[in-house]
Amino acid sequence: MVELKKEKEINVNCIFTDKIEQFCETIEKSYPENVGNFTLELYKDDKAKAVFETNYKENVLTILKIYFEIANEEKHFYSYEMWKEPVERKVLIETALTFLKKQKFNERSLYVGKNGSEILKEYDIHRLPYGSKNTNKYMAVCGTSFVNLEKLEDINEHLISQKYKTMKNILESRKKLKDAMNKLNYKHFSLLNKETLNEIEKNSYSDKEYKLFENFENKILIGNVNNVFGKHSKIAMVGSMANHTAIKGSTLDYTILTSIEVKKDKKFNKDEALEKVCDLLKNEKTLSDIKIEKSTKFSLIHMKSSNIPDIDITLSVDNLLGVEFTQVCESAQKQCHSFALLGRLLRLWLKELSLNTGETKVWGTYFFDLLLLRLLEKRRLISYNIMKTFDAYKTHNYQQLIKRCQNINKLMTNEKETDKLMIGSYFMMFLLEYGIHFPQHHGMTFPFSTVLDSHTIDLSHGKLCFVKGGFTVLHSAYIGDIKKYRYFVNALITTLWEVVAYLTNTAYNSVKFKYVKEDGTNGEGNPLEEYLIIDIDEMKENEEDNKIFTFDNAKKIMKKI
């Protein structure tokens, strides 16, 4: 497919403009009664051509494509729609006519969603539809520059493959686990006990050391970062999270967050900016081992400080976040005890499941801090300057917890005790939200919302996966590669069940985990190469005396014990 030449505008009086009505009539008269494979040449001469085409596979996929080509200018225009369900001739024709009438031949944009109502800017492929705006059950694209369009049609073959069938079975089993966990959470509401808090404290640094982290941010990082990034946009250092959530054995992860305006600055390149910061940091006498580590789509500066011995420090940059969220990040500098402890518990999880080191290392673990902030803000637990009170939590949190929270009020004697009691609820909420709800609004493919990496088309922002409701993009920037991602998802699923089983006093072996390969055959227990499929047995009460929460069950399945 020929890429559009940006410097050359298309004439408004395109050769096709006055032929649209004729094209509409031709399609209405010529298309057969039953939807099927059909090609109709609407126009052709030595300068241009227009083709109407439908591709059909029974009970799998229907594709409508209207293709325009202007030969001497090497211009291509597309109207394109895809259905994952049977479609009537009437609907198909109506869609075709809508797109023909919308196509203006002078715009470089795509139209996505019901009746092409959402405008998709040129090459903004990573927004291909997910989220609330795409309200229809299929995807629709109408426009001039969708250079990856032909690749999407590969999905036809994929949908009848053994791999797809296997992934579908895996996904269905995980949805059943999600439903089972939701039922348990509704029936039982409990909190992590003080032994768990002791485990967090055991892995925490001293107050004096956390103060050293703050000094490092204020005296070393901020000045050097502002020298490079300051002129481009407002900066929010996510140091407040790194300073308080680091634990023994983890890295100290700082992130430079810039507002969305940076993305609009064509001259700004975040990788180049990070390299400039790296060069400046090399002038700091207290720093050593300064280098840039790179994964497939993610870069960070790695360093050590003589003032903070035995701790690896990282610095990365993300310039795709909105102004409002950077304000939330800044407000986290005044976080309360609950937030800091929850962050440490989260990093303890990463450490226990080997998600922060070695071949299973997840790149940019700061991302979990960002998610944590988003979730706390989303649940109205954190506002721009304060962590909300327990009453606010009781009012705004999701319905299953509201009824249970009333009884817990009686247990509370002071604010500090409230903070301690809430830690278990926060952690469970975070993992459940992270694994189930949040990804659907972030274009990510996670265990309960997609068929994982079952269909991969390389794009600039990751992998394109076919899911119910259209396509969504796997942002692999924070994972590194697909093997690590596979391990990460397996770890998340086993851990989710460990948390829910513990909090609801349910026997862990009420759920059976089995590894399978892509072809559906039994796996050999390799969490990097294989997928976990889940079989739910009768839910039994836990008879063991589990006073201390651990990840031992998950670690056994992940071959870490």
Protein backbone atom coordinates (compact mmCIF):
# COMPACT_ATOMS: atom_id res chain seq x y z
CA MET A 1 0.00 0.00 0.00
CA VAL A 2 1.35 3.42 -0.94
CA GLU A 3 1.84 5.90 1.88
CA LEU A 4 0.37 9.36 1.41
CA LYS A 5 2.76 12.17 0.57
CA LYS A 6 2.10 14.74 3.25
CA GLU A 7 3.43 17.74 1.39
CA LYS A 8 0.99 17.41 -1.47
CA GLU A 9 -2.62 18.35 -0.73
CA ILE A 10 -5.44 16.67 -2.56
CA ASN A 11 -7.58 18.88 -4.75
CA VAL A 12 -11.06 19.43 -3.34
CA ASN A 13 -12.54 18.91 -6.80
CA CYS A 14 -11.42 15.29 -6.90
CA ILE A 15 -12.42 13.23 -9.93
CA PHE A 16 -14.73 11.17 -7.68
CA THR A 17 -16.57 14.04 -5.96
CA ASP A 18 -19.38 14.39 -8.50
CA LYS A 19 -19.77 10.62 -8.96
CA ILE A 20 -20.77 9.66 -5.41
CA GLU A 21 -24.53 9.56 -6.07
CA GLN A 22 -23.92 7.38 -9.13
CA PHE A 23 -21.74 5.03 -7.06
CA CYS A 24 -24.49 4.74 -4.42
CA GLU A 25 -27.10 3.79 -7.03
CA THR A 26 -24.78 1.25 -8.65
CA ILE A 27 -24.08 -0.49 -5.34
CA GLU A 28 -27.77 -0.62 -4.37
CA LYS A 29 -28.76 -2.15 -7.72
CA SER A 30 -25.81 -4.50 -8.16
CA TYR A 31 -25.25 -6.06 -4.74
CA PRO A 32 -26.76 -9.58 -4.50
CA GLU A 33 -29.54 -10.50 -2.06
CA ASN A 34 -27.24 -12.48 0.22
CA VAL A 35 -24.09 -11.06 1.79
CA GLY A 36 -20.98 -12.83 0.47
CA ASN A 37 -17.69 -12.38 -1.35
CA PHE A 38 -18.33 -9.70 -3.94
CA THR A 39 -16.26 -7.21 -5.95
CA LEU A 40 -17.72 -4.35 -7.99
CA GLU A 41 -15.65 -1.93 -10.07
CA LEU A 42 -17.38 1.43 -9.69
CA TYR A 43 -15.01 3.41 -11.92
CA LYS A 44 -11.82 2.90 -13.88
CA ASP A 45 -9.76 4.82 -16.41
CA ASP A 46 -6.05 5.53 -16.91
CA LYS A 47 -6.06 8.14 -14.10
CA ALA A 48 -8.18 6.64 -11.35
CA LYS A 49 -10.28 3.75 -10.15
CA ALA A 50 -12.89 3.00 -7.49
CA VAL A 51 -13.75 -0.48 -6.22
CA PHE A 52 -16.45 -1.75 -3.84
CA GLU A 53 -15.70 -5.07 -2.16
CA THR A 54 -17.05 -7.38 0.54
CA ASN A 55 -15.23 -10.36 2.02
CA TYR A 56 -17.26 -12.89 3.95
CA LYS A 57 -16.53 -15.95 6.06
CA GLU A 58 -19.53 -17.66 7.59
CA ASN A 59 -19.92 -16.95 11.32
CA VAL A 60 -16.45 -15.43 11.45
CA LEU A 61 -16.08 -12.04 9.83
CA THR A 62 -17.58 -9.69 7.26
CA ILE A 63 -15.47 -6.92 5.76
CA LEU A 64 -16.72 -4.03 3.66
CA LYS A 65 -14.12 -2.03 1.77
CA ILE A 66 -14.49 0.83 -0.70
CA TYR A 67 -11.20 1.67 -2.33
CA PHE A 68 -10.30 4.77 -4.35
CA GLU A 69 -7.04 5.33 -6.18
CA ILE A 70 -5.70 8.36 -8.06
CA ALA A 71 -2.80 6.95 -10.04
CA ASN A 72 -0.85 10.06 -11.05
CA GLU A 73 -0.83 11.41 -7.46
CA GLU A 74 -0.36 8.02 -5.78
CA LYS A 75 -3.31 8.76 -3.49
CA HIS A 76 -5.38 6.08 -1.77
CA PHE A 77 -8.70 6.56 0.02
CA TYR A 78 -10.52 3.95 2.06
CA SER A 79 -13.92 3.36 3.52
CA TYR A 80 -13.70 0.27 5.67
CA GLU A 81 -15.91 -1.59 8.11
CA MET A 82 -15.70 -4.93 9.88
CA TRP A 83 -18.35 -7.04 11.59
CA LYS A 84 -17.69 -10.00 13.89
CA GLU A 85 -21.28 -11.17 13.61
CA PRO A 86 -23.76 -11.91 10.77
CA VAL A 87 -24.82 -8.74 8.97
CA GLU A 88 -27.85 -8.18 6.75
CA ARG A 89 -27.61 -6.79 3.23
CA LYS A 90 -29.55 -3.70 4.30
CA VAL A 91 -27.06 -2.83 7.06
CA LEU A 92 -24.10 -3.40 4.77
CA ILE A 93 -25.54 -1.17 2.02
CA GLU A 94 -26.47 1.59 4.50
CA THR A 95 -22.94 1.56 5.86
CA ALA A 96 -21.42 1.73 2.39
CA LEU A 97 -23.62 4.69 1.42
CA THR A 98 -22.83 6.52 4.67
CA PHE A 99 -19.11 6.22 4.04
CA LEU A 100 -19.38 7.22 0.39
CA LYS A 101 -21.21 10.39 1.35
CA LYS A 102 -18.73 11.18 4.13
CA GLN A 103 -15.66 10.72 1.96
CA LYS A 104 -14.51 14.23 1.00
CA PHE A 105 -11.21 13.32 -0.69
CA ASN A 106 -9.41 16.27 0.85
CA GLU A 107 -8.96 15.22 4.46
CA ARG A 108 -6.26 13.11 6.04
CA SER A 109 -8.26 11.52 8.81
CA LEU A 110 -10.05 8.29 9.57
CA TYR A 111 -13.55 7.88 10.94
CA VAL A 112 -13.93 5.30 13.67
CA GLY A 113 -17.00 4.09 15.51
CA LYS A 114 -20.71 4.07 14.86
CA ASN A 115 -21.41 5.72 11.51
CA GLY A 116 -17.88 7.07 11.44
CA SER A 117 -18.66 9.49 14.25
CA GLU A 118 -15.21 9.58 15.85
CA ILE A 119 -12.40 11.30 13.98
CA LEU A 120 -9.06 9.52 14.07
CA LYS A 121 -6.09 11.65 13.07
CA GLU A 122 -3.62 10.46 10.48
CA TYR A 123 -1.46 7.51 11.52
CA ASP A 124 -2.87 7.58 15.05
CA ILE A 125 -3.23 3.82 14.80
CA HIS A 126 -2.84 3.13 18.52
CA ARG A 127 -6.26 4.66 19.15
CA LEU A 128 -8.05 2.09 17.02
CA PRO A 129 -11.16 1.64 18.80
CA TYR A 130 -11.54 0.85 22.43
CA GLY A 131 -13.27 2.64 25.25
CA SER A 132 -16.65 4.25 25.60
CA LYS A 133 -16.65 6.28 22.39
CA ASN A 134 -16.81 3.18 20.20
CA THR A 135 -20.34 2.20 21.14
CA ASN A 136 -21.06 -0.23 18.31
CA LYS A 137 -20.16 -3.91 18.34
CA TYR A 138 -17.94 -3.77 15.27
CA MET A 139 -15.23 -1.49 14.04
CA ALA A 140 -15.58 1.06 11.29
CA VAL A 141 -12.92 3.02 9.49
CA CYS A 142 -13.41 5.61 6.80
CA GLY A 143 -10.56 7.75 5.58
CA THR A 144 -7.52 8.31 3.44
CA SER A 145 -4.38 7.12 5.13
CA PHE A 146 -4.83 3.85 6.95
CA VAL A 147 -1.60 2.29 5.71
CA ASN A 148 -1.97 -0.79 7.90
CA LEU A 149 -5.43 -1.60 6.58
CA GLU A 150 -4.49 -4.68 4.58
CA LYS A 151 -2.84 -6.23 7.63
CA LEU A 152 -6.15 -6.20 9.48
CA GLU A 153 -7.57 -8.61 6.94
CA ASP A 154 -5.09 -11.23 8.15
CA ILE A 155 -7.55 -11.64 11.00
CA ASN A 156 -9.72 -13.74 8.68
CA GLU A 157 -7.25 -16.60 8.73
CA HIS A 158 -6.50 -16.09 12.38
CA LEU A 159 -10.11 -16.53 13.50
CA ILE A 160 -10.28 -20.11 12.24
CA SER A 161 -6.84 -21.12 13.56
CA GLN A 162 -6.18 -23.58 16.37
CA LYS A 163 -4.29 -20.89 18.25
CA TYR A 164 -7.35 -18.65 18.32
CA LYS A 165 -9.56 -21.50 19.58
CA THR A 166 -7.05 -22.28 22.33
CA MET A 167 -6.83 -18.63 23.38
CA LYS A 168 -10.60 -18.36 23.42
CA ASN A 169 -10.84 -21.35 25.78
CA ILE A 170 -8.16 -19.82 28.02
CA LEU A 171 -9.99 -16.50 28.09
CA GLU A 172 -13.32 -18.13 28.92
CA SER A 173 -11.75 -20.03 31.83
CA ARG A 174 -10.26 -16.79 33.17
CA LYS A 175 -13.60 -15.03 32.95
CA LYS A 176 -15.09 -17.79 35.10
CA LEU A 177 -12.34 -17.19 37.66
CA LYS A 178 -13.14 -13.48 37.61
CA ASP A 179 -16.82 -14.20 38.27
CA ALA A 180 -15.96 -16.60 41.08
CA MET A 181 -13.70 -14.01 42.73
CA ASN A 182 -16.37 -11.33 42.47
CA LYS A 183 -18.90 -13.61 44.21
CA LEU A 184 -16.46 -14.39 47.00
CA ASN A 185 -15.64 -10.72 47.48
CA TYR A 186 -19.33 -9.93 47.73
CA LYS A 187 -19.91 -12.59 50.40
CA HIS A 188 -16.76 -11.97 52.42
CA PHE A 189 -15.04 -8.77 53.29
CA SER A 190 -11.91 -8.93 55.38
CA LEU A 191 -8.61 -7.14 55.83
CA LEU A 192 -4.99 -8.14 55.84
CA ASN A 193 -3.91 -8.66 59.44
CA LYS A 194 -1.11 -7.02 61.38
CA GLU A 195 1.28 -9.88 60.61
CA THR A 196 1.15 -8.74 56.99
CA LEU A 197 1.92 -5.19 58.04
CA ASN A 198 4.90 -6.57 59.94
CA GLU A 199 6.07 -8.24 56.72
CA ILE A 200 5.86 -4.89 54.95
CA GLU A 201 7.77 -3.19 57.76
CA LYS A 202 10.45 -5.91 57.63
CA ASN A 203 11.06 -5.11 53.95
CA SER A 204 10.91 -1.33 54.40
CA TYR A 205 13.85 1.04 54.78
CA SER A 206 14.31 3.27 57.82
CA ASP A 207 12.79 6.76 57.95
CA LYS A 208 16.32 8.13 57.68
CA GLU A 209 16.87 6.25 54.40
CA TYR A 210 13.57 7.40 52.92
CA LYS A 211 14.70 10.95 53.74
CA LEU A 212 17.88 10.29 51.73
CA PHE A 213 15.72 9.40 48.73
CA GLU A 214 13.91 12.74 48.99
CA ASN A 215 17.22 14.60 49.19
CA PHE A 216 18.45 12.75 46.10
CA GLU A 217 15.39 13.84 44.15
CA ASN A 218 15.58 17.47 45.30
CA LYS A 219 19.35 18.00 45.05
CA ILE A 220 20.36 15.79 42.11
CA LEU A 221 17.43 14.95 39.86
CA ILE A 222 15.16 17.97 39.71
CA GLY A 223 17.80 20.49 38.62
CA ASN A 224 19.24 18.29 35.86
CA VAL A 225 15.80 17.29 34.63
CA ASN A 226 14.52 20.86 34.51
CA ASN A 227 17.60 21.93 32.53
CA VAL A 228 16.43 19.65 29.70
CA PHE A 229 12.66 19.28 30.06
CA GLY A 230 11.64 22.48 31.81
CA LYS A 231 11.25 24.65 28.73
CA HIS A 232 8.96 22.16 27.02
CA SER A 233 6.18 21.74 29.55
CA LYS A 234 5.20 21.44 33.17
CA ILE A 235 7.09 18.62 34.89
CA ALA A 236 5.79 16.27 37.54
CA MET A 237 8.40 14.04 39.12
CA VAL A 238 6.93 10.80 40.37
CA GLY A 239 9.64 10.84 43.00
CA SER A 240 7.15 11.10 45.83
CA MET A 241 6.09 7.56 45.01
CA ALA A 242 9.62 6.23 44.55
CA ASN A 243 10.78 7.93 47.74
CA HIS A 244 8.17 6.27 49.93
CA THR A 245 7.32 2.99 48.20
CA ALA A 246 10.80 1.54 47.60
CA ILE A 247 11.57 -1.63 49.55
CA LYS A 248 14.69 -3.67 50.24
CA GLY A 249 15.66 -5.55 47.11
CA SER A 250 13.75 -3.26 44.75
CA THR A 251 15.01 -0.47 42.56
CA LEU A 252 14.37 3.18 43.35
CA ASP A 253 12.35 4.19 40.27
CA TYR A 254 11.89 7.85 39.33
CA THR A 255 9.85 9.01 36.37
CA ILE A 256 9.62 12.34 34.60
CA LEU A 257 6.00 13.01 33.67
CA THR A 258 5.28 15.72 31.12
CA SER A 259 1.88 16.98 30.06
CA ILE A 260 0.12 15.99 26.85
CA GLU A 261 1.24 19.25 25.21
CA VAL A 262 4.72 17.77 24.79
CA LYS A 263 3.36 15.23 22.34
CA LYS A 264 2.19 18.08 20.12
CA ASP A 265 5.70 19.51 19.95
CA LYS A 266 7.14 17.95 16.78
CA LYS A 267 10.69 19.00 17.74
CA PHE A 268 10.59 17.25 21.09
CA ASN A 269 11.98 13.72 21.31
CA LYS A 270 11.78 12.13 24.76
CA ASP A 271 14.54 9.60 24.04
CA GLU A 272 16.93 12.35 22.97
CA ALA A 273 15.95 14.39 26.03
CA LEU A 274 16.64 11.41 28.28
CA GLU A 275 20.11 11.08 26.71
CA LYS A 276 20.79 14.76 27.49
CA VAL A 277 19.75 14.22 31.11
CA CYS A 278 22.06 11.20 31.22
CA ASP A 279 24.99 13.34 30.02
CA LEU A 280 24.26 15.97 32.70
CA LEU A 281 24.06 13.34 35.45
CA LYS A 282 27.54 12.11 34.50
CA ASN A 283 28.87 15.43 35.84
CA GLU A 284 27.52 14.63 39.32
CA LYS A 285 30.43 13.43 41.50
CA THR A 286 28.23 11.31 43.78
CA LEU A 287 26.88 9.21 40.88
CA SER A 288 28.44 6.19 39.18
CA ASP A 289 27.58 3.38 36.71
CA ILE A 290 25.41 5.80 34.74
CA LYS A 291 24.04 4.25 31.56
CA ILE A 292 20.89 4.04 29.47
CA GLU A 293 19.15 0.66 29.47
CA LYS A 294 16.85 -0.07 26.55
CA SER A 295 14.15 -2.64 25.96
CA THR A 296 12.18 -2.89 22.73
CA LYS A 297 10.12 0.24 23.35
CA PHE A 298 11.25 1.60 26.69
CA SER A 299 14.37 3.43 27.86
CA LEU A 300 15.57 4.38 31.32
CA ILE A 301 18.72 5.75 32.92
CA HIS A 302 20.34 3.37 35.38
CA MET A 303 22.68 4.77 38.06
CA LYS A 304 24.12 4.35 41.56
CA SER A 305 24.67 7.02 44.22
CA SER A 306 27.39 7.01 46.88
CA ASN A 307 24.87 8.71 49.20
CA ILE A 308 22.42 5.80 48.80
CA PRO A 309 24.57 2.64 48.89
CA ASP A 310 23.45 -0.77 47.59
CA ILE A 311 20.40 0.54 45.74
CA ASP A 312 19.96 0.68 41.95
CA ILE A 313 18.29 3.92 40.83
CA THR A 314 16.37 4.36 37.57
CA LEU A 315 15.00 7.42 35.80
CA SER A 316 12.56 7.22 32.89
CA VAL A 317 10.21 9.58 31.06
CA ASP A 318 6.59 9.42 29.96
CA ASN A 319 5.18 12.34 28.00
CA LEU A 320 1.74 10.99 27.18
CA LEU A 321 -0.12 11.98 30.34
CA GLY A 322 -2.67 14.75 30.75
CA VAL A 323 -2.28 17.90 32.81
CA GLU A 324 -4.94 16.79 35.29
CA PHE A 325 -3.09 13.59 36.06
CA THR A 326 0.22 15.37 36.59
CA GLN A 327 -1.60 17.40 39.25
CA VAL A 328 -2.74 14.18 40.91
CA CYS A 329 0.87 12.98 40.89
CA GLU A 330 2.03 16.19 42.52
CA SER A 331 -0.62 15.83 45.20
CA ALA A 332 0.78 12.40 46.07
CA GLN A 333 3.73 14.16 47.70
CA LYS A 334 1.40 14.57 50.68
CA GLN A 335 0.41 10.91 50.75
CA CYS A 336 -0.71 9.23 53.94
CA HIS A 337 0.56 6.02 55.56
CA SER A 338 -1.91 3.80 53.69
CA PHE A 339 -0.64 4.86 50.30
CA ALA A 340 3.02 4.34 51.17
CA LEU A 341 2.38 0.92 52.71
CA LEU A 342 0.27 -0.17 49.76
CA GLY A 343 3.02 0.81 47.35
CA ARG A 344 5.52 -1.24 49.37
CA LEU A 345 3.19 -4.23 49.43
CA LEU A 346 2.88 -3.92 45.66
CA ARG A 347 6.65 -3.89 45.23
CA LEU A 348 6.87 -6.85 47.57
CA TRP A 349 4.61 -8.64 45.10
CA LEU A 350 6.90 -7.71 42.20
CA LYS A 351 9.92 -8.93 44.13
CA GLU A 352 8.34 -12.21 45.28
CA LEU A 353 7.25 -13.15 41.75
CA SER A 354 10.61 -12.08 40.23
CA LEU A 355 8.99 -9.28 38.26
CA ASN A 356 11.77 -6.83 39.09
CA THR A 357 14.87 -8.86 38.17
CA GLY A 358 16.29 -11.31 35.66
CA GLU A 359 14.61 -12.69 32.56
CA THR A 360 11.13 -11.99 33.93
CA LYS A 361 11.84 -8.37 34.85
CA VAL A 362 9.06 -5.94 34.02
CA TRP A 363 10.47 -2.72 32.60
CA GLY A 364 9.54 0.55 34.23
CA THR A 365 8.05 -0.69 37.47
CA TYR A 366 7.10 2.93 38.17
CA PHE A 367 4.11 2.12 35.99
CA PHE A 368 2.53 0.30 38.92
CA ASP A 369 2.81 3.48 40.96
CA LEU A 370 1.05 5.39 38.20
CA LEU A 371 -1.72 2.82 38.09
CA LEU A 372 -2.00 2.95 41.84
CA LEU A 373 -2.45 6.72 41.73
CA ARG A 374 -5.03 6.49 38.97
CA LEU A 375 -7.04 3.92 40.87
CA LEU A 376 -6.97 5.86 44.13
CA GLU A 377 -8.05 8.97 42.28
CA LYS A 378 -10.68 7.07 40.30
CA ARG A 379 -12.18 5.65 43.47
CA ARG A 380 -12.15 9.16 44.96
CA LEU A 381 -9.67 8.04 47.61
CA ILE A 382 -7.17 10.75 46.76
CA SER A 383 -7.81 14.35 45.73
CA TYR A 384 -5.40 17.09 44.74
CA ASN A 385 -4.06 17.69 48.24
CA ILE A 386 -5.36 15.05 50.61
CA MET A 387 -6.12 11.38 50.96
CA LYS A 388 -9.88 11.13 51.50
CA THR A 389 -11.24 10.05 54.87
CA PHE A 390 -12.71 6.64 55.48
CA ASP A 391 -16.24 8.08 55.24
CA ALA A 392 -15.45 9.29 51.73
CA TYR A 393 -14.13 5.85 50.86
CA LYS A 394 -17.32 4.29 52.18
CA THR A 395 -19.42 6.65 50.08
CA HIS A 396 -17.57 6.38 46.78
CA ASN A 397 -16.15 2.87 46.59
CA TYR A 398 -17.85 0.20 44.51
CA GLN A 399 -21.05 -1.31 45.78
CA GLN A 400 -19.85 -4.69 47.07
CA LEU A 401 -17.64 -2.97 49.66
CA ILE A 402 -20.10 -0.34 50.84
CA LYS A 403 -22.24 -2.75 52.89
CA ARG A 404 -19.21 -4.35 54.51
CA CYS A 405 -17.51 -1.08 55.40
CA GLN A 406 -20.24 -0.10 57.86
CA ASN A 407 -19.23 -2.87 60.28
CA ILE A 408 -15.56 -1.93 60.12
CA ASN A 409 -16.27 1.57 61.40
CA LYS A 410 -16.83 0.04 64.84
CA LEU A 411 -13.27 -1.32 64.88
CA MET A 412 -11.64 2.04 64.46
CA THR A 413 -10.22 4.05 67.29
CA ASN A 414 -8.04 6.61 65.53
CA GLU A 415 -6.85 7.72 62.09
CA LYS A 416 -3.63 5.70 62.18
CA GLU A 417 -5.52 2.51 62.93
CA THR A 418 -7.82 3.35 60.02
CA ASP A 419 -4.80 3.56 57.76
CA LYS A 420 -3.57 0.16 58.90
CA LEU A 421 -6.95 -1.52 58.57
CA MET A 422 -7.49 -0.26 55.03
CA ILE A 423 -4.26 -1.66 53.61
CA GLY A 424 -5.75 -5.07 52.76
CA SER A 425 -8.78 -3.57 51.04
CA TYR A 426 -6.63 -1.22 48.98
CA PHE A 427 -4.35 -4.02 47.85
CA MET A 428 -7.17 -6.35 46.87
CA MET A 429 -8.93 -3.51 45.09
CA PHE A 430 -5.77 -2.58 43.24
CA LEU A 431 -5.02 -6.08 41.96
CA LEU A 432 -8.62 -6.78 40.98
CA GLU A 433 -8.98 -3.43 39.28
CA TYR A 434 -5.63 -3.78 37.57
CA GLY A 435 -6.37 -7.26 36.27
CA ILE A 436 -9.98 -6.80 35.25
CA HIS A 437 -11.38 -3.29 34.90
CA PHE A 438 -8.63 -0.78 34.25
CA PRO A 439 -7.20 -2.33 31.04
CA GLN A 440 -10.50 -1.97 29.22
CA HIS A 441 -10.11 1.79 29.44
CA HIS A 442 -6.43 1.93 28.65
CA GLY A 443 -6.21 -0.03 25.41
CA MET A 444 -4.18 -2.76 27.04
CA THR A 445 -4.57 -6.48 26.72
CA PHE A 446 -4.77 -8.05 30.15
CA PRO A 447 -5.93 -11.40 31.44
CA PHE A 448 -9.67 -10.91 31.67
CA SER A 449 -10.33 -8.43 28.87
CA THR A 450 -8.73 -9.99 25.76
CA VAL A 451 -7.40 -13.08 24.09
CA LEU A 452 -3.89 -12.05 25.13
CA ASP A 453 -1.27 -12.15 22.40
CA SER A 454 -3.29 -14.52 20.22
CA HIS A 455 -3.07 -12.33 17.14
CA THR A 456 -0.06 -10.12 16.60
CA ILE A 457 0.41 -7.45 13.99
CA ASP A 458 3.46 -5.28 14.53
CA LEU A 459 2.59 -1.60 14.81
CA SER A 460 4.47 1.40 16.11
CA HIS A 461 2.87 1.12 19.55
CA GLY A 462 2.95 -2.62 20.11
CA LYS A 463 0.79 -5.54 19.10
CA LEU A 464 -2.68 -5.33 17.62
CA CYS A 465 -5.00 -7.89 19.17
CA PHE A 466 -8.46 -8.89 18.02
CA VAL A 467 -10.98 -8.72 20.85
CA LYS A 468 -14.73 -8.52 21.31
CA GLY A 469 -15.78 -5.07 20.23
CA GLY A 470 -12.93 -4.45 17.81
CA PHE A 471 -9.19 -4.19 18.17
CA THR A 472 -7.07 -3.06 21.05
CA VAL A 473 -3.37 -2.44 21.23
CA LEU A 474 -1.02 -4.17 23.61
CA HIS A 475 1.28 -1.47 24.94
CA SER A 476 4.32 -3.61 25.56
CA ALA A 477 6.50 -0.65 26.53
CA TYR A 478 6.35 -1.47 30.22
CA ILE A 479 6.75 -5.21 29.80
CA GLY A 480 9.66 -5.52 27.37
CA ASP A 481 8.70 -8.46 25.19
CA ILE A 482 5.94 -11.00 24.73
CA LYS A 483 7.59 -13.74 26.81
CA LYS A 484 7.86 -11.42 29.80
CA TYR A 485 4.31 -10.32 29.19
CA ARG A 486 3.14 -13.93 29.18
CA TYR A 487 4.94 -14.55 32.48
CA PHE A 488 3.52 -11.33 33.91
CA VAL A 489 -0.07 -12.29 33.07
CA ASN A 490 0.35 -15.79 34.51
CA ALA A 491 1.81 -14.26 37.68
CA LEU A 492 -1.02 -11.75 37.95
CA ILE A 493 -3.72 -14.43 37.65
CA THR A 494 -2.21 -16.77 40.25
CA THR A 495 -1.57 -13.83 42.59
CA LEU A 496 -5.08 -12.45 42.22
CA TRP A 497 -6.47 -15.77 43.33
CA GLU A 498 -3.98 -15.97 46.21
CA VAL A 499 -5.11 -12.56 47.51
CA VAL A 500 -8.83 -13.29 47.13
CA ALA A 501 -8.55 -16.80 48.62
CA TYR A 502 -6.68 -15.43 51.64
CA LEU A 503 -9.02 -12.51 52.25
CA THR A 504 -12.13 -14.70 51.91
CA ASN A 505 -10.71 -17.69 53.83
CA THR A 506 -11.10 -19.96 50.78
CA ALA A 507 -8.85 -22.95 50.05
CA TYR A 508 -6.38 -22.06 47.28
CA ASN A 509 -6.76 -25.50 45.67
CA SER A 510 -10.46 -24.80 45.02
CA VAL A 511 -9.10 -23.48 41.73
CA LYS A 512 -6.86 -25.67 39.55
CA PHE A 513 -4.27 -24.09 37.24
CA LYS A 514 -2.89 -25.99 34.23
CA TYR A 515 -0.36 -24.90 31.61
CA VAL A 516 -1.30 -25.33 27.93
CA LYS A 517 0.54 -24.59 24.70
CA GLU A 518 -0.78 -22.47 21.84
CA ASP A 519 -2.01 -25.56 19.98
CA GLY A 520 -4.13 -26.60 22.97
CA THR A 521 -1.92 -29.50 24.08
CA ASN A 522 -0.76 -29.89 27.68
CA GLY A 523 2.16 -27.69 28.62
CA GLU A 524 5.36 -28.55 30.43
CA GLY A 525 5.01 -25.88 33.10
CA ASN A 526 6.92 -23.06 31.42
CA PRO A 527 5.36 -19.72 32.50
CA LEU A 528 7.38 -17.79 29.88
CA GLU A 529 6.17 -19.88 26.92
CA GLU A 530 2.80 -21.28 27.98
CA TYR A 531 -0.61 -20.12 29.20
CA LEU A 532 -2.58 -20.93 32.33
CA ILE A 533 -6.04 -22.35 31.83
CA ILE A 534 -8.26 -22.49 34.89
CA ASP A 535 -10.65 -25.14 36.21
CA ILE A 536 -12.89 -24.10 39.10
CA ASP A 537 -13.82 -26.81 41.61
CA GLU A 538 -16.16 -26.55 44.59
CA MET A 539 -15.22 -23.57 46.74
CA LYS A 540 -14.00 -24.95 50.06
CA GLU A 541 -13.21 -23.14 53.28
CA ASN A 542 -9.53 -22.87 54.11
CA GLU A 543 -8.66 -25.23 56.98
CA GLU A 544 -5.03 -24.17 57.35
CA ASP A 545 -4.08 -21.67 60.03
CA ASN A 546 -2.80 -18.93 57.71
CA LYS A 547 -1.93 -16.03 59.97
CA ILE A 548 0.66 -14.61 57.61
CA PHE A 549 -0.14 -13.78 54.02
CA THR A 550 2.42 -15.06 51.49
CA PHE A 551 2.58 -15.64 47.75
CA ASP A 552 3.81 -19.22 48.19
CA ASN A 553 0.95 -20.88 46.26
CA ALA A 554 1.39 -18.56 43.29
CA LYS A 555 5.16 -18.99 43.41
CA LYS A 556 4.81 -22.79 43.20
CA ILE A 557 2.72 -22.49 40.04
CA MET A 558 5.17 -19.95 38.63
CA LYS A 559 8.03 -22.40 39.35
CA LYS A 560 9.65 -20.02 41.85
CA ILE A 561 9.67 -22.54 44.72
